[in-house]
Amino acid sequence: MIPVILSGGSGSRLWPQSRQEYPKQFLSLTDSQSTMLQQTALRLEGLDTSPPIVVCNQSHRFIVAEQLLQVNAQPEAILLEPCGRNTAPAVTLAAMYAAKHHGNPVLLVLPADHVIADVATFQSAVNKGALAARQGMLITFGIQPTRAETGYGYVHGSEAVPGFEGIFKVAQFIEKPPLERAQAFVDNGNYFWNSGMFMFTASRYLEEIKRFNPDIYKQCQLALDVAEKDRDFTWIDSTLFAACPSDSIDYAVMEKTDAAAVAPMAAGWSDVGSWQSLWEIQNKDAQGNVRQGEVIAIDSHNCLISAEKHMVAAVGVSDLVIVDSADAILVTTRDRAQDVKKVVTELEAQGCSRHLFHRKVFRPWGHYDSIDNGDRFQVKRITVKPGEQLSLQMHHHRAEHWIVVRGTAKVTCGEKTLLLSENQSTFIPLGTTHRLENPGKVNLEIIEVQSGSYLGEDDIVRFDDSYGR
């Protein structure tokens, strides 16, 4: 069995914590110290699986590789999508890759941004589903509903599949229903939340996608045939993949095939699709509040209050979501949590980058935090991991002043190379080729003061880069 981890979501409803360049699957949103991607990999321990195939956005490749390395979950392959085309093409790429290298394995398709509280029940459902998948069925995992939820699609399981305990034929997939119909589904007992987790053999899935969506099959095959391997990454051809139709696996295959079956699961599942969803699964105080960080709540009830940068005090409020981050604050009612994505749409329309980046931006060599900026200047705190280095680069519009506050810096500036220790500094003139490196055993931290007419991140000309950017 080969897990296929889909890590392409943007998590726009969880803004400002989740942003396009560092979305929710890379965050520790729940009580666990692990990120959601790491939790997805860790819950495979105990199953008879091979290393996973991960499908992700090109810009997330280093985050995916590093986070999986941190939990000793080395993937077999990281397939890099040049653009988002929904889940059907992503699964098709993974199935084609698996078939090419392993024949006809069972694929366990898992989104990277779900929470599953009961891992043992999850694994039991997977093992049951695997038996049916090996006999040619396309399994979707259905979540036993705990309430009348209008934010999820539903799967109607009809009669049991003979010879496979706990597996039912799919009678119908239903779009997100109104409340009255959702309640009828819960009362019926044969309707399940559509989890977005699937299982089938590679060949069976490819047969069905080729049958029902030949254009997806064709474009994925063309794009994968000319894909380039670079270290841990497989680069999918951008022109060919961009021509692939965008469709979900539900619409492209599962709703059309006559081999669809549902494996019910009651494992404490949540897709953590909104702040309301996060409030539902988190531990609460006696007043029903979820409190994260430095929070004071007086006469306040059933709120989610998250404090990252500042202490947050709430007095006499109920049913609110209050989220403080380093550069943005969200306030909404819990029943409007789904509408947070409209903020992201508005930010994009305004040309503001706060839907794209956090103030702290992660790079393969470490990260930087933009701590101040103004007209013609910007101040960053840069952290470089031991043994790592930035690219050899230059800027057309800015000069930089570097001050070492921790560790040792190896600096290339034009023809010169020098070592700087704590409290020492250097100046990088505009237009000068330069590089920053950490030759030491502890993190290097510097303060960088930029000055110039243009300070955007796209004013970087790279001459050499260890990470192939």
Foldseek 3Di string as FASTA:
>chain_A
DAEEEEEADQLLLAPPVTFRLQGQLLDPLAPDPAGLLCVVQVLCPPPPYDQYEYEYAPSCVLSNQVSCVVVPRHHQAYEHAPDDQAALLSVLLVLVVCCVVPNKDKYKYHYSQKDFQASVLVRVLVVLVRVLQVVLFKEFAFELDPALDQVFKKWFFDDADPPRPQKGFTPAIGHRDPRVVSRVQNVVRRMGTGQLIIIHISVSSLVQLCVQPVQSNVLSVVQQVPWDDDVRHTYGDHVSNVSGHRDYCCVRGVRPDRRYMYRYTHGLMDSCSWVLRSLVSHDADPQSEAEADQEAEACEHNEYAHADPDYYYHYNYYQWYWHDDPPDIDIDGSVCSSVSSVVLVVCVVVVHCSSHDGQWAADSQGIKHFPDDDQFKTKIKDKGAAFDKFFFKAFQWKKKKKAWQAAKKWKDWAPDTDIDHHGDIDIHDHPTTMMIHHNDHGITIIMMMMGGNDDDPVRIDGDGGPVPD
